[in-house]
Amino acid sequence: MSIDPWYDSAGRVANEWAADAEFVVRTLAASPPHIGALDFDHVAYIGHSMGGAAAFEACRLDPTCRAAVDMDGTLWTEVRNTGLLSPSLLLQDDQTAECPRVGPVQ
């Protein structure tokens, strides 16, 4: 059994989510909400799992991106090959480490 079709699907989803995120930023920048100071010249994309992969791809595509955070997401898109020019943080689970046992909350 080949897992390549799943990788292709994950890449398509991450690309769509990246495009969605970039659309939201462009739309808000064109008509900023009146909720306080928002700086659309310095955008950060942050996400978890597939959303983290999309955050990195959105940052790659958006020239206003100043940072990206991916919390435990595999990079499925072109950013995997190109990297980012903006500062980035990739947090990943260490599956080889043991989880300490935590007692009940008092």
N, C-alpha and C. Protein backbone atom coordinates (compact mmCIF):
# COMPACT_ATOMS: atom_id res chain seq x y z
N MET A 1 0.84 -1.18 0.00
CA MET A 1 0.00 0.00 0.00
C MET A 1 0.88 1.25 0.00
N SER A 2 0.55 2.20 -0.86
CA SER A 2 1.31 3.44 -0.97
C SER A 2 0.62 4.55 -0.19
N ILE A 3 1.43 5.31 0.51
CA ILE A 3 0.90 6.45 1.28
C ILE A 3 0.99 7.74 0.47
N ASP A 4 1.61 7.68 -0.71
CA ASP A 4 1.78 8.88 -1.53
C ASP A 4 0.47 9.60 -1.83
N PRO A 5 -0.64 8.89 -2.12
CA PRO A 5 -1.90 9.63 -2.35
C PRO A 5 -2.34 10.44 -1.13
N TRP A 6 -2.07 9.92 0.07
CA TRP A 6 -2.42 10.68 1.27
C TRP A 6 -1.57 11.93 1.37
N TYR A 7 -0.27 11.83 1.08
CA TYR A 7 0.61 13.00 1.10
C TYR A 7 0.13 14.04 0.11
N ASP A 8 -0.27 13.59 -1.08
CA ASP A 8 -0.79 14.53 -2.08
C ASP A 8 -2.04 15.24 -1.58
N SER A 9 -2.94 14.48 -0.94
CA SER A 9 -4.16 15.08 -0.40
C SER A 9 -3.84 16.08 0.70
N ALA A 10 -2.93 15.73 1.58
CA ALA A 10 -2.54 16.64 2.66
C ALA A 10 -1.96 17.93 2.08
N GLY A 11 -1.16 17.81 1.05
CA GLY A 11 -0.60 18.99 0.40
C GLY A 11 -1.67 19.88 -0.20
N ARG A 12 -2.67 19.27 -0.83
CA ARG A 12 -3.77 20.06 -1.41
C ARG A 12 -4.55 20.79 -0.32
N VAL A 13 -4.83 20.09 0.78
CA VAL A 13 -5.57 20.72 1.88
C VAL A 13 -4.76 21.88 2.47
N ALA A 14 -3.48 21.66 2.73
CA ALA A 14 -2.64 22.73 3.29
C ALA A 14 -2.56 23.92 2.34
N ASN A 15 -2.47 23.68 1.06
CA ASN A 15 -2.45 24.78 0.08
C ASN A 15 -3.76 25.56 0.10
N GLU A 16 -4.88 24.86 0.19
CA GLU A 16 -6.19 25.54 0.25
C GLU A 16 -6.31 26.37 1.51
N TRP A 17 -5.90 25.81 2.65
CA TRP A 17 -5.98 26.54 3.90
C TRP A 17 -5.06 27.75 3.89
N ALA A 18 -3.89 27.61 3.28
CA ALA A 18 -2.96 28.74 3.17
C ALA A 18 -3.59 29.85 2.34
N ALA A 19 -4.23 29.47 1.23
CA ALA A 19 -4.91 30.46 0.39
C ALA A 19 -6.06 31.12 1.15
N ASP A 20 -6.78 30.34 1.95
CA ASP A 20 -7.86 30.90 2.77
C ASP A 20 -7.32 31.92 3.77
N ALA A 21 -6.23 31.57 4.45
CA ALA A 21 -5.64 32.48 5.44
C ALA A 21 -5.17 33.77 4.78
N GLU A 22 -4.53 33.63 3.65
CA GLU A 22 -4.05 34.82 2.94
C GLU A 22 -5.22 35.69 2.47
N PHE A 23 -6.32 35.05 2.05
CA PHE A 23 -7.52 35.78 1.65
C PHE A 23 -8.08 36.59 2.82
N VAL A 24 -8.12 35.98 3.99
CA VAL A 24 -8.62 36.69 5.17
C VAL A 24 -7.77 37.92 5.47
N VAL A 25 -6.45 37.76 5.41
CA VAL A 25 -5.56 38.90 5.68
C VAL A 25 -5.78 40.00 4.64
N ARG A 26 -5.84 39.64 3.37
CA ARG A 26 -6.07 40.65 2.31
C ARG A 26 -7.41 41.36 2.50
N THR A 27 -8.45 40.59 2.83
CA THR A 27 -9.78 41.15 3.00
C THR A 27 -9.83 42.11 4.19
N LEU A 28 -9.22 41.70 5.31
CA LEU A 28 -9.19 42.58 6.49
C LEU A 28 -8.34 43.82 6.23
N ALA A 29 -7.25 43.67 5.50
CA ALA A 29 -6.40 44.82 5.20
C ALA A 29 -7.13 45.82 4.31
N ALA A 30 -7.97 45.32 3.40
CA ALA A 30 -8.71 46.20 2.49
C ALA A 30 -9.81 46.96 3.22
N SER A 31 -10.36 46.37 4.27
CA SER A 31 -11.42 47.00 5.03
C SER A 31 -11.23 46.66 6.51
N PRO A 32 -10.26 47.34 7.15
CA PRO A 32 -9.91 46.99 8.54
C PRO A 32 -11.08 47.15 9.50
N PRO A 33 -11.24 46.19 10.39
CA PRO A 33 -12.30 46.32 11.40
C PRO A 33 -11.93 47.40 12.42
N HIS A 34 -12.91 47.92 13.07
CA HIS A 34 -12.69 48.99 14.05
C HIS A 34 -12.55 48.41 15.45
N ILE A 35 -11.60 47.50 15.63
CA ILE A 35 -11.42 46.84 16.93
C ILE A 35 -10.08 47.20 17.56
N GLY A 36 -9.42 48.18 17.01
CA GLY A 36 -8.12 48.56 17.55
C GLY A 36 -7.07 48.55 16.46
N ALA A 37 -5.85 48.77 16.88
CA ALA A 37 -4.75 48.88 15.93
C ALA A 37 -4.34 47.50 15.41
N LEU A 38 -4.48 47.30 14.14
CA LEU A 38 -4.01 46.08 13.47
C LEU A 38 -3.01 46.49 12.41
N ASP A 39 -1.87 45.83 12.36
CA ASP A 39 -0.81 46.17 11.42
C ASP A 39 -0.72 45.08 10.35
N PHE A 40 -1.31 45.36 9.21
CA PHE A 40 -1.34 44.36 8.14
C PHE A 40 -0.06 44.35 7.31
N ASP A 41 0.90 45.18 7.67
CA ASP A 41 2.21 45.12 7.03
C ASP A 41 3.14 44.15 7.76
N HIS A 42 2.70 43.67 8.92
CA HIS A 42 3.49 42.74 9.73
C HIS A 42 2.57 41.63 10.23
N VAL A 43 2.38 40.62 9.40
CA VAL A 43 1.43 39.55 9.68
C VAL A 43 2.19 38.32 10.16
N ALA A 44 1.59 37.60 11.12
CA ALA A 44 2.12 36.31 11.55
C ALA A 44 1.04 35.25 11.35
N TYR A 45 1.42 34.12 10.85
CA TYR A 45 0.50 33.00 10.66
C TYR A 45 0.88 31.92 11.68
N ILE A 46 -0.13 31.41 12.38
CA ILE A 46 0.10 30.42 13.43
C ILE A 46 -0.94 29.32 13.28
N GLY A 47 -0.51 28.06 13.42
CA GLY A 47 -1.46 26.97 13.32
C GLY A 47 -0.95 25.70 13.97
N HIS A 48 -1.88 24.79 14.19
CA HIS A 48 -1.58 23.48 14.78
C HIS A 48 -1.89 22.38 13.76
N SER A 49 -1.02 21.38 13.69
CA SER A 49 -1.19 20.23 12.83
C SER A 49 -1.29 20.69 11.37
N MET A 50 -2.35 20.33 10.67
CA MET A 50 -2.49 20.75 9.27
C MET A 50 -2.54 22.27 9.17
N GLY A 51 -3.10 22.92 10.18
CA GLY A 51 -3.12 24.38 10.20
C GLY A 51 -1.73 24.97 10.33
N GLY A 52 -0.84 24.28 11.01
CA GLY A 52 0.55 24.73 11.10
C GLY A 52 1.25 24.64 9.77
N ALA A 53 0.99 23.55 9.05
CA ALA A 53 1.54 23.41 7.70
C ALA A 53 1.02 24.53 6.80
N ALA A 54 -0.26 24.83 6.92
CA ALA A 54 -0.85 25.91 6.13
C ALA A 54 -0.27 27.27 6.54
N ALA A 55 0.02 27.46 7.83
CA ALA A 55 0.60 28.71 8.30
C ALA A 55 1.95 28.96 7.64
N PHE A 56 2.79 27.93 7.57
CA PHE A 56 4.09 28.08 6.93
C PHE A 56 3.93 28.40 5.44
N GLU A 57 3.01 27.72 4.77
CA GLU A 57 2.81 27.96 3.33
C GLU A 57 2.24 29.36 3.10
N ALA A 58 1.30 29.79 3.94
CA ALA A 58 0.73 31.13 3.80
C ALA A 58 1.83 32.18 3.98
N CYS A 59 2.71 31.96 4.93
CA CYS A 59 3.82 32.89 5.16
C CYS A 59 4.75 32.93 3.95
N ARG A 60 4.98 31.79 3.35
CA ARG A 60 5.83 31.74 2.15
C ARG A 60 5.24 32.57 1.03
N LEU A 61 3.92 32.55 0.90
CA LEU A 61 3.24 33.22 -0.20
C LEU A 61 2.96 34.70 0.04
N ASP A 62 2.87 35.10 1.30
CA ASP A 62 2.45 36.45 1.66
C ASP A 62 3.66 37.35 1.95
N PRO A 63 3.89 38.36 1.12
CA PRO A 63 5.05 39.24 1.34
C PRO A 63 4.96 40.06 2.63
N THR A 64 3.76 40.18 3.22
CA THR A 64 3.63 40.91 4.47
C THR A 64 3.91 40.03 5.69
N CYS A 65 4.14 38.75 5.48
CA CYS A 65 4.37 37.83 6.59
C CYS A 65 5.71 38.14 7.25
N ARG A 66 5.66 38.28 8.57
CA ARG A 66 6.87 38.55 9.34
C ARG A 66 7.26 37.40 10.25
N ALA A 67 6.36 36.38 10.38
CA ALA A 67 6.68 35.22 11.22
C ALA A 67 5.65 34.13 10.99
N ALA A 68 6.05 32.89 11.28
CA ALA A 68 5.13 31.76 11.19
C ALA A 68 5.44 30.77 12.31
N VAL A 69 4.37 30.15 12.83
CA VAL A 69 4.52 29.13 13.86
C VAL A 69 3.72 27.91 13.42
N ASP A 70 4.37 26.76 13.47
CA ASP A 70 3.74 25.48 13.15
C ASP A 70 3.87 24.59 14.38
N MET A 71 2.74 24.31 15.00
CA MET A 71 2.74 23.47 16.19
C MET A 71 2.37 22.03 15.80
N ASP A 72 3.39 21.21 15.66
CA ASP A 72 3.24 19.78 15.40
C ASP A 72 2.56 19.46 14.07
N GLY A 73 2.91 20.21 13.04
CA GLY A 73 2.37 19.93 11.72
C GLY A 73 3.48 19.57 10.74
N THR A 74 3.24 18.57 9.93
CA THR A 74 4.20 18.17 8.91
C THR A 74 4.07 19.12 7.72
N LEU A 75 5.19 19.52 7.15
CA LEU A 75 5.17 20.44 6.01
C LEU A 75 4.96 19.62 4.73
N TRP A 76 3.80 19.81 4.10
CA TRP A 76 3.43 19.04 2.92
C TRP A 76 3.58 19.84 1.63
N THR A 77 3.79 21.14 1.72
CA THR A 77 3.72 22.01 0.55
C THR A 77 5.11 22.46 0.11
N GLU A 78 5.15 23.37 -0.83
CA GLU A 78 6.41 23.84 -1.40
C GLU A 78 7.37 24.43 -0.37
N VAL A 79 6.82 24.97 0.72
CA VAL A 79 7.67 25.56 1.76
C VAL A 79 8.64 24.51 2.33
N ARG A 80 8.28 23.25 2.23
CA ARG A 80 9.17 22.16 2.68
C ARG A 80 10.50 22.21 1.92
N ASN A 81 10.44 22.61 0.65
CA ASN A 81 11.63 22.66 -0.20
C ASN A 81 12.32 24.02 -0.19
N THR A 82 11.54 25.08 -0.06
CA THR A 82 12.09 26.43 -0.18
C THR A 82 12.48 27.05 1.15
N GLY A 83 11.79 26.66 2.22
CA GLY A 83 12.00 27.31 3.51
C GLY A 83 11.32 28.66 3.54
N LEU A 84 11.55 29.40 4.62
CA LEU A 84 10.96 30.73 4.79
C LEU A 84 12.05 31.77 4.95
N LEU A 85 11.78 32.97 4.47
CA LEU A 85 12.68 34.09 4.70
C LEU A 85 12.37 34.75 6.04
N SER A 86 11.13 34.63 6.49
CA SER A 86 10.70 35.21 7.77
C SER A 86 11.08 34.28 8.91
N PRO A 87 11.20 34.83 10.11
CA PRO A 87 11.44 33.98 11.28
C PRO A 87 10.32 32.95 11.42
N SER A 88 10.68 31.76 11.82
CA SER A 88 9.69 30.70 11.94
C SER A 88 10.02 29.81 13.13
N LEU A 89 8.97 29.20 13.67
CA LEU A 89 9.11 28.28 14.79
C LEU A 89 8.34 27.02 14.45
N LEU A 90 9.02 25.89 14.46
CA LEU A 90 8.39 24.60 14.20
C LEU A 90 8.51 23.76 15.46
N LEU A 91 7.39 23.55 16.13
CA LEU A 91 7.35 22.75 17.35
C LEU A 91 6.88 21.35 16.97
N GLN A 92 7.63 20.33 17.38
CA GLN A 92 7.24 18.97 17.07
C GLN A 92 7.30 18.10 18.31
N ASP A 93 6.44 17.11 18.34
CA ASP A 93 6.38 16.16 19.42
C ASP A 93 7.59 15.22 19.36
N ASP A 94 8.18 14.96 20.49
CA ASP A 94 9.26 13.97 20.58
C ASP A 94 8.64 12.66 21.03
N GLN A 95 8.33 11.80 20.08
CA GLN A 95 7.64 10.56 20.39
C GLN A 95 8.55 9.53 21.05
N THR A 96 9.84 9.82 21.14
CA THR A 96 10.75 8.89 21.80
C THR A 96 10.84 9.18 23.29
N ALA A 97 10.39 10.35 23.71
CA ALA A 97 10.48 10.72 25.13
C ALA A 97 9.30 10.15 25.90
N GLU A 98 9.54 9.83 27.16
CA GLU A 98 8.46 9.35 28.01
C GLU A 98 7.73 10.54 28.60
N CYS A 99 6.44 10.39 28.74
CA CYS A 99 5.62 11.43 29.34
C CYS A 99 5.60 11.21 30.85
N PRO A 100 5.95 12.23 31.64
CA PRO A 100 5.93 12.04 33.08
C PRO A 100 4.50 11.84 33.58
N ARG A 101 4.34 10.98 34.53
CA ARG A 101 3.02 10.73 35.10
C ARG A 101 2.63 11.90 35.99
N VAL A 102 1.45 12.42 35.77
CA VAL A 102 0.96 13.55 36.54
C VAL A 102 -0.18 13.07 37.41
N GLY A 103 -0.14 13.47 38.66
CA GLY A 103 -1.18 13.06 39.59
C GLY A 103 -2.45 13.87 39.38
N PRO A 104 -3.49 13.54 40.11
CA PRO A 104 -4.77 14.25 39.98
C PRO A 104 -4.64 15.70 40.43
N VAL A 105 -5.43 16.55 39.84
CA VAL A 105 -5.45 17.97 40.21
C VAL A 105 -6.16 18.10 41.55
N GLN A 106 -5.55 18.81 42.47
CA GLN A 106 -6.12 18.97 43.82
C GLN A 106 -6.93 20.24 43.90
